Amino acid sequence: MVALLVGVAANAQTAFDVKDLWQKTVNVPTSEAPIIEKLFTAWGTEFPGMYVDAFNKYKETGKAKHIKIDEDVYADFIVEFAPKNGYIEILTADTMIATENANFSIGDTIIRRDILTAVYWNLKSGNKLFAVSINDDGEIFPECALAFYEYDAAKGTLSPRPKIVKKVLNIIDDDEDTFVILPKEGKDLKFYDFRTGGMKTIKWNGNGF
């Protein structure tokens, strides 16, 4: 058991909280923004929370580090926005102090990072495959949530692709003991298996994994 000393907002998008909520079609308004920003912003209107707030604050202020989204939110956020790569990364860290002698000694400081990444791939059909990953890759209970959507520009929609999620998670085998890295460069997925301590790769086949 741990006590949270420095935390995030009550509407925080944790991997555990959002896993069952992503199976809905998202409308994408017409915009001149880079594709990754347009898709992430549209996704964020349906799934608001600390990561979306941090990205909006970054766009408002131009400040990429030490972003505070609210006076009541003590965590600092770091935003990496790489439109040419079709990549967004937003991360923060919670500091926790162990109050009971369980997996840690009483008084131990525990750092837990929360990371959202968003990317897209070009599909053979001309549509885009958009992905969002939230990783809680701390020292306590690693957790990952992963969603894929197909973006149809003509329809202006992001449609869930749960079969791709299922295939990836079947390869990973246990999403509660890993975190998934969406690529800033290249097209393959990488995931870290905490059980084996190794980094593994899932190959992109041109239309999925």
C-alpha atoms as a PDB file:
ATOM      1  CA  MET A   1       0.000   0.000   0.000  1.00  0.00           C
ATOM      2  CA  VAL A   2       1.265   3.498  -0.799  1.00  0.00           C
ATOM      3  CA  ALA A   3       0.142   7.020  -0.088  1.00  0.00           C
ATOM      4  CA  LEU A   4       0.100   9.495  -2.965  1.00  0.00           C
ATOM      5  CA  LEU A   5       1.999  12.662  -2.084  1.00  0.00           C
ATOM      6  CA  VAL A   6       2.287  14.310  -5.483  1.00  0.00           C
ATOM      7  CA  GLY A   7      -0.558  13.349  -7.766  1.00  0.00           C
ATOM      8  CA  VAL A   8      -2.619  14.188 -10.803  1.00  0.00           C
ATOM      9  CA  ALA A   9      -6.166  15.329 -11.432  1.00  0.00           C
ATOM     10  CA  ALA A  10      -9.245  13.307 -10.611  1.00  0.00           C
ATOM     11  CA  ASN A  11      -9.958  13.054 -14.343  1.00  0.00           C
ATOM     12  CA  ALA A  12      -6.548  11.547 -15.014  1.00  0.00           C
ATOM     13  CA  GLN A  13      -6.430   9.199 -17.977  1.00  0.00           C
ATOM     14  CA  THR A  14      -4.834   6.112 -16.509  1.00  0.00           C
ATOM     15  CA  ALA A  15      -4.432   2.934 -18.494  1.00  0.00           C
ATOM     16  CA  PHE A  16      -6.708   1.105 -16.093  1.00  0.00           C
ATOM     17  CA  ASP A  17      -9.475   3.714 -16.352  1.00  0.00           C
ATOM     18  CA  VAL A  18      -9.706   3.997 -20.131  1.00  0.00           C
ATOM     19  CA  LYS A  19      -9.346   0.443 -21.413  1.00  0.00           C
ATOM     20  CA  ASP A  20     -13.074  -0.195 -21.736  1.00  0.00           C
ATOM     21  CA  LEU A  21     -13.989   3.273 -22.985  1.00  0.00           C
ATOM     22  CA  TRP A  22     -12.251   3.506 -26.335  1.00  0.00           C
ATOM     23  CA  GLN A  23     -14.650   1.458 -28.455  1.00  0.00           C
ATOM     24  CA  LYS A  24     -16.525   4.334 -30.057  1.00  0.00           C
ATOM     25  CA  THR A  25     -16.332   6.208 -33.364  1.00  0.00           C
ATOM     26  CA  VAL A  26     -14.840   9.705 -33.144  1.00  0.00           C
ATOM     27  CA  ASN A  27     -15.730  12.548 -35.507  1.00  0.00           C
ATOM     28  CA  VAL A  28     -12.762  14.518 -36.882  1.00  0.00           C
ATOM     29  CA  PRO A  29     -13.539  18.153 -37.779  1.00  0.00           C
ATOM     30  CA  THR A  30     -11.954  19.701 -40.870  1.00  0.00           C
ATOM     31  CA  SER A  31      -8.739  21.447 -39.882  1.00  0.00           C
ATOM     32  CA  GLU A  32      -5.509  22.785 -41.397  1.00  0.00           C
ATOM     33  CA  ALA A  33      -3.547  21.396 -38.449  1.00  0.00           C
ATOM     34  CA  PRO A  34      -0.982  18.624 -39.015  1.00  0.00           C
ATOM     35  CA  ILE A  35      -2.679  15.235 -39.263  1.00  0.00           C
ATOM     36  CA  ILE A  36      -1.389  13.921 -35.940  1.00  0.00           C
ATOM     37  CA  GLU A  37      -2.575  17.052 -34.106  1.00  0.00           C
ATOM     38  CA  LYS A  38      -5.973  16.912 -35.825  1.00  0.00           C
ATOM     39  CA  LEU A  39      -6.478  13.251 -34.929  1.00  0.00           C
ATOM     40  CA  PHE A  40      -5.252  13.591 -31.355  1.00  0.00           C
ATOM     41  CA  THR A  41      -7.352  16.716 -30.765  1.00  0.00           C
ATOM     42  CA  ALA A  42     -10.467  14.982 -32.109  1.00  0.00           C
ATOM     43  CA  TRP A  43      -9.737  11.935 -29.932  1.00  0.00           C
ATOM     44  CA  GLY A  44      -9.207  14.237 -26.962  1.00  0.00           C
ATOM     45  CA  THR A  45     -12.641  15.821 -27.276  1.00  0.00           C
ATOM     46  CA  GLU A  46     -14.129  12.358 -26.620  1.00  0.00           C
ATOM     47  CA  PHE A  47     -11.595  11.280 -23.986  1.00  0.00           C
ATOM     48  CA  PRO A  48     -10.612  14.399 -22.026  1.00  0.00           C
ATOM     49  CA  GLY A  49      -8.149  14.234 -19.176  1.00  0.00           C
ATOM     50  CA  MET A  50      -4.718  15.269 -18.002  1.00  0.00           C
ATOM     51  CA  TYR A  51      -2.848  14.429 -21.227  1.00  0.00           C
ATOM     52  CA  VAL A  52      -5.246  16.392 -23.415  1.00  0.00           C
ATOM     53  CA  ASP A  53      -5.140  19.286 -20.949  1.00  0.00           C
ATOM     54  CA  ALA A  54      -1.341  19.268 -21.043  1.00  0.00           C
ATOM     55  CA  PHE A  55      -1.272  19.255 -24.853  1.00  0.00           C
ATOM     56  CA  ASN A  56      -3.762  22.139 -24.993  1.00  0.00           C
ATOM     57  CA  LYS A  57      -1.653  24.096 -22.506  1.00  0.00           C
ATOM     58  CA  TYR A  58       1.420  23.430 -24.642  1.00  0.00           C
ATOM     59  CA  LYS A  59      -0.366  24.725 -27.751  1.00  0.00           C
ATOM     60  CA  GLU A  60      -1.563  27.773 -25.818  1.00  0.00           C
ATOM     61  CA  THR A  61       1.765  28.706 -24.242  1.00  0.00           C
ATOM     62  CA  GLY A  62       4.408  27.123 -26.487  1.00  0.00           C
ATOM     63  CA  LYS A  63       6.025  25.780 -23.331  1.00  0.00           C
ATOM     64  CA  ALA A  64       7.046  22.139 -23.698  1.00  0.00           C
ATOM     65  CA  LYS A  65       8.457  21.396 -20.229  1.00  0.00           C
ATOM     66  CA  HIS A  66       7.282  21.980 -16.668  1.00  0.00           C
ATOM     67  CA  ILE A  67       3.698  22.392 -17.850  1.00  0.00           C
ATOM     68  CA  LYS A  68       1.189  22.710 -15.033  1.00  0.00           C
ATOM     69  CA  ILE A  69      -2.386  22.244 -16.172  1.00  0.00           C
ATOM     70  CA  ASP A  70      -4.054  23.381 -12.958  1.00  0.00           C
ATOM     71  CA  GLU A  71      -3.070  24.921  -9.638  1.00  0.00           C
ATOM     72  CA  ASP A  72      -4.449  21.821  -7.924  1.00  0.00           C
ATOM     73  CA  VAL A  73      -2.387  19.466 -10.105  1.00  0.00           C
ATOM     74  CA  TYR A  74       1.122  19.168  -8.749  1.00  0.00           C
ATOM     75  CA  ALA A  75       2.652  17.095 -11.515  1.00  0.00           C
ATOM     76  CA  ASP A  76       4.739  18.680 -14.250  1.00  0.00           C
ATOM     77  CA  PHE A  77       4.122  17.552 -17.828  1.00  0.00           C
ATOM     78  CA  ILE A  78       6.517  17.349 -20.756  1.00  0.00           C
ATOM     79  CA  VAL A  79       5.142  17.483 -24.298  1.00  0.00           C
ATOM     80  CA  GLU A  80       6.976  16.349 -27.430  1.00  0.00           C
ATOM     81  CA  PHE A  81       5.143  17.327 -30.598  1.00  0.00           C
ATOM     82  CA  ALA A  82       6.779  16.122 -33.838  1.00  0.00           C
ATOM     83  CA  PRO A  83       4.265  16.726 -36.665  1.00  0.00           C
ATOM     84  CA  LYS A  84       6.705  15.691 -39.415  1.00  0.00           C
ATOM     85  CA  ASN A  85       7.047  12.319 -37.724  1.00  0.00           C
ATOM     86  CA  GLY A  86       3.326  12.104 -36.955  1.00  0.00           C
ATOM     87  CA  TYR A  87       4.135  11.726 -33.270  1.00  0.00           C
ATOM     88  CA  ILE A  88       2.954  13.117 -29.925  1.00  0.00           C
ATOM     89  CA  GLU A  89       4.360  12.162 -26.522  1.00  0.00           C
ATOM     90  CA  ILE A  90       3.070  13.530 -23.225  1.00  0.00           C
ATOM     91  CA  LEU A  91       4.503  12.373 -19.931  1.00  0.00           C
ATOM     92  CA  THR A  92       4.528  13.150 -16.243  1.00  0.00           C
ATOM     93  CA  ALA A  93       5.707  11.495 -13.045  1.00  0.00           C
ATOM     94  CA  ASP A  94       4.059  10.875  -9.697  1.00  0.00           C
ATOM     95  CA  THR A  95       6.130  10.710  -6.519  1.00  0.00           C
ATOM     96  CA  MET A  96       4.789   8.259  -3.953  1.00  0.00           C
ATOM     97  CA  ILE A  97       5.944   7.357  -0.441  1.00  0.00           C
ATOM     98  CA  ALA A  98       5.504   3.807   0.880  1.00  0.00           C
ATOM     99  CA  THR A  99       3.514   3.830   4.117  1.00  0.00           C
ATOM    100  CA  GLU A 100       3.377   0.073   4.702  1.00  0.00           C
ATOM    101  CA  ASN A 101       6.075  -2.554   4.482  1.00  0.00           C
ATOM    102  CA  ALA A 102       4.845  -4.486   1.434  1.00  0.00           C
ATOM    103  CA  ASN A 103       6.945  -4.522  -1.740  1.00  0.00           C
ATOM    104  CA  PHE A 104       8.928  -1.522  -0.461  1.00  0.00           C
ATOM    105  CA  SER A 105      10.328  -0.394   2.854  1.00  0.00           C
ATOM    106  CA  ILE A 106       8.306   2.167   4.782  1.00  0.00           C
ATOM    107  CA  GLY A 107       9.396   5.652   3.733  1.00  0.00           C
ATOM    108  CA  ASP A 108      10.750   4.602   0.335  1.00  0.00           C
ATOM    109  CA  THR A 109      10.234   7.121  -2.459  1.00  0.00           C
ATOM    110  CA  ILE A 110       8.650   5.519  -5.533  1.00  0.00           C
ATOM    111  CA  ILE A 111       8.590   7.178  -8.945  1.00  0.00           C
ATOM    112  CA  ARG A 112       5.832   6.214 -11.368  1.00  0.00           C
ATOM    113  CA  ARG A 113       5.820   7.645 -14.879  1.00  0.00           C
ATOM    114  CA  ASP A 114       2.638   8.054 -16.877  1.00  0.00           C
ATOM    115  CA  ILE A 115       3.141   8.349 -20.640  1.00  0.00           C
ATOM    116  CA  LEU A 116       0.766   8.880 -23.548  1.00  0.00           C
ATOM    117  CA  THR A 117       1.969   8.476 -27.122  1.00  0.00           C
ATOM    118  CA  ALA A 118      -0.009   8.945 -30.327  1.00  0.00           C
ATOM    119  CA  VAL A 119       1.045   8.126 -33.910  1.00  0.00           C
ATOM    120  CA  TYR A 120      -0.411   7.153 -37.281  1.00  0.00           C
ATOM    121  CA  TRP A 121       0.511   4.879 -40.174  1.00  0.00           C
ATOM    122  CA  ASN A 122      -0.510   5.099 -43.852  1.00  0.00           C
ATOM    123  CA  LEU A 123      -2.748   2.208 -44.951  1.00  0.00           C
ATOM    124  CA  LYS A 124      -2.855   0.686 -48.434  1.00  0.00           C
ATOM    125  CA  SER A 125      -6.457   1.911 -48.784  1.00  0.00           C
ATOM    126  CA  GLY A 126      -5.321   5.516 -48.477  1.00  0.00           C
ATOM    127  CA  ASN A 127      -6.741   5.824 -44.969  1.00  0.00           C
ATOM    128  CA  LYS A 128      -4.644   6.234 -41.822  1.00  0.00           C
ATOM    129  CA  LEU A 129      -4.274   3.925 -38.839  1.00  0.00           C
ATOM    130  CA  PHE A 130      -4.185   6.088 -35.709  1.00  0.00           C
ATOM    131  CA  ALA A 131      -2.956   4.681 -32.400  1.00  0.00           C
ATOM    132  CA  VAL A 132      -2.950   5.914 -28.818  1.00  0.00           C
ATOM    133  CA  SER A 133      -1.033   4.220 -26.021  1.00  0.00           C
ATOM    134  CA  ILE A 134      -1.121   5.064 -22.322  1.00  0.00           C
ATOM    135  CA  ASN A 135       1.576   3.460 -20.200  1.00  0.00           C
ATOM    136  CA  ASP A 136       1.852   3.497 -16.444  1.00  0.00           C
ATOM    137  CA  ASP A 137       5.385   2.138 -16.332  1.00  0.00           C
ATOM    138  CA  GLY A 138       6.197   2.684 -12.695  1.00  0.00           C
ATOM    139  CA  GLU A 139       7.691   0.427 -10.090  1.00  0.00           C
ATOM    140  CA  ILE A 140       4.370  -0.733  -8.648  1.00  0.00           C
ATOM    141  CA  PHE A 141       1.864  -2.200 -11.105  1.00  0.00           C
ATOM    142  CA  PRO A 142       2.870  -1.642 -14.755  1.00  0.00           C
ATOM    143  CA  GLU A 143      -0.204  -1.184 -16.918  1.00  0.00           C
ATOM    144  CA  CYS A 144      -0.768  -0.459 -20.589  1.00  0.00           C
ATOM    145  CA  ALA A 145      -3.811   0.605 -22.604  1.00  0.00           C
ATOM    146  CA  LEU A 146      -3.688   0.584 -26.385  1.00  0.00           C
ATOM    147  CA  ALA A 147      -6.226   1.647 -29.015  1.00  0.00           C
ATOM    148  CA  PHE A 148      -6.229   1.690 -32.824  1.00  0.00           C
ATOM    149  CA  TYR A 149      -8.570   3.625 -35.104  1.00  0.00           C
ATOM    150  CA  GLU A 150      -8.892   3.876 -38.868  1.00  0.00           C
ATOM    151  CA  TYR A 151      -9.112   7.460 -40.073  1.00  0.00           C
ATOM    152  CA  ASP A 152     -11.260   7.976 -43.149  1.00  0.00           C
ATOM    153  CA  ALA A 153     -10.693  11.574 -44.295  1.00  0.00           C
ATOM    154  CA  ALA A 154     -13.655  11.477 -46.707  1.00  0.00           C
ATOM    155  CA  LYS A 155     -16.027  10.557 -43.864  1.00  0.00           C
ATOM    156  CA  GLY A 156     -14.181  12.542 -41.224  1.00  0.00           C
ATOM    157  CA  THR A 157     -14.223   9.652 -38.751  1.00  0.00           C
ATOM    158  CA  LEU A 158     -11.926   7.627 -36.526  1.00  0.00           C
ATOM    159  CA  SER A 159     -13.381   4.107 -36.322  1.00  0.00           C
ATOM    160  CA  PRO A 160     -12.125   1.669 -33.647  1.00  0.00           C
ATOM    161  CA  ARG A 161     -10.157  -1.358 -34.851  1.00  0.00           C
ATOM    162  CA  PRO A 162     -10.345  -3.696 -31.825  1.00  0.00           C
ATOM    163  CA  LYS A 163      -9.124  -6.701 -33.845  1.00  0.00           C
ATOM    164  CA  ILE A 164      -5.737  -5.013 -34.264  1.00  0.00           C
ATOM    165  CA  VAL A 165      -5.621  -4.281 -30.533  1.00  0.00           C
ATOM    166  CA  LYS A 166      -6.470  -7.906 -29.770  1.00  0.00           C
ATOM    167  CA  LYS A 167      -3.798  -9.207 -32.140  1.00  0.00           C
ATOM    168  CA  VAL A 168      -1.105  -6.992 -30.631  1.00  0.00           C
ATOM    169  CA  LEU A 169      -2.091  -7.858 -27.064  1.00  0.00           C
ATOM    170  CA  ASN A 170      -2.124 -11.566 -27.941  1.00  0.00           C
ATOM    171  CA  ILE A 171       1.469 -11.211 -29.087  1.00  0.00           C
ATOM    172  CA  ILE A 172       2.367  -9.320 -25.938  1.00  0.00           C
ATOM    173  CA  ASP A 173       0.478 -11.947 -23.918  1.00  0.00           C
ATOM    174  CA  ASP A 174       0.115  -9.876 -20.753  1.00  0.00           C
ATOM    175  CA  ASP A 175      -0.509  -6.135 -21.016  1.00  0.00           C
ATOM    176  CA  GLU A 176      -0.435  -5.792 -17.239  1.00  0.00           C
ATOM    177  CA  ASP A 177       3.298  -6.477 -17.151  1.00  0.00           C
ATOM    178  CA  THR A 178       4.573  -4.439 -20.060  1.00  0.00           C
ATOM    179  CA  PHE A 179       4.426  -1.109 -21.808  1.00  0.00           C
ATOM    180  CA  VAL A 180       4.107  -0.433 -25.538  1.00  0.00           C
ATOM    181  CA  ILE A 181       6.254   2.098 -27.383  1.00  0.00           C
ATOM    182  CA  LEU A 182       4.632   3.660 -30.430  1.00  0.00           C
ATOM    183  CA  PRO A 183       7.288   4.591 -32.986  1.00  0.00           C
ATOM    184  CA  LYS A 184       8.513   8.133 -33.504  1.00  0.00           C
ATOM    185  CA  GLU A 185      10.678   6.735 -36.290  1.00  0.00           C
ATOM    186  CA  GLY A 186      10.060   3.601 -38.308  1.00  0.00           C
ATOM    187  CA  LYS A 187       6.826   1.616 -38.327  1.00  0.00           C
ATOM    188  CA  ASP A 188       7.287  -1.275 -35.904  1.00  0.00           C
ATOM    189  CA  LEU A 189       5.878  -1.488 -32.389  1.00  0.00           C
ATOM    190  CA  LYS A 190       8.184  -2.210 -29.494  1.00  0.00           C
ATOM    191  CA  PHE A 191       7.202  -3.413 -26.068  1.00  0.00           C
ATOM    192  CA  TYR A 192       9.079  -3.994 -22.863  1.00  0.00           C
ATOM    193  CA  ASP A 193       8.345  -7.201 -20.991  1.00  0.00           C
ATOM    194  CA  PHE A 194       8.919  -6.640 -17.277  1.00  0.00           C
ATOM    195  CA  ARG A 195       8.838 -10.392 -16.663  1.00  0.00           C
ATOM    196  CA  THR A 196      11.797 -11.121 -18.926  1.00  0.00           C
ATOM    197  CA  GLY A 197      13.416  -7.702 -18.726  1.00  0.00           C
ATOM    198  CA  GLY A 198      13.711  -7.496 -22.518  1.00  0.00           C
ATOM    199  CA  MET A 199      12.575  -5.244 -25.363  1.00  0.00           C
ATOM    200  CA  LYS A 200      10.615  -6.984 -28.155  1.00  0.00           C
ATOM    201  CA  THR A 201       9.389  -5.919 -31.604  1.00  0.00           C
ATOM    202  CA  ILE A 202       6.093  -6.379 -33.467  1.00  0.00           C
ATOM    203  CA  LYS A 203       6.579  -5.877 -37.210  1.00  0.00           C
ATOM    204  CA  TRP A 204       4.379  -3.621 -39.336  1.00  0.00           C
ATOM    205  CA  ASN A 205       3.157  -5.513 -42.432  1.00  0.00           C
ATOM    206  CA  GLY A 206       1.973  -2.536 -44.459  1.00  0.00           C
ATOM    207  CA  ASN A 207      -1.615  -2.791 -43.298  1.00  0.00           C
ATOM    208  CA  GLY A 208      -1.384  -3.760 -39.655  1.00  0.00           C
ATOM    209  CA  PHE A 209       0.628  -6.063 -37.430  1.00  0.00           C
END
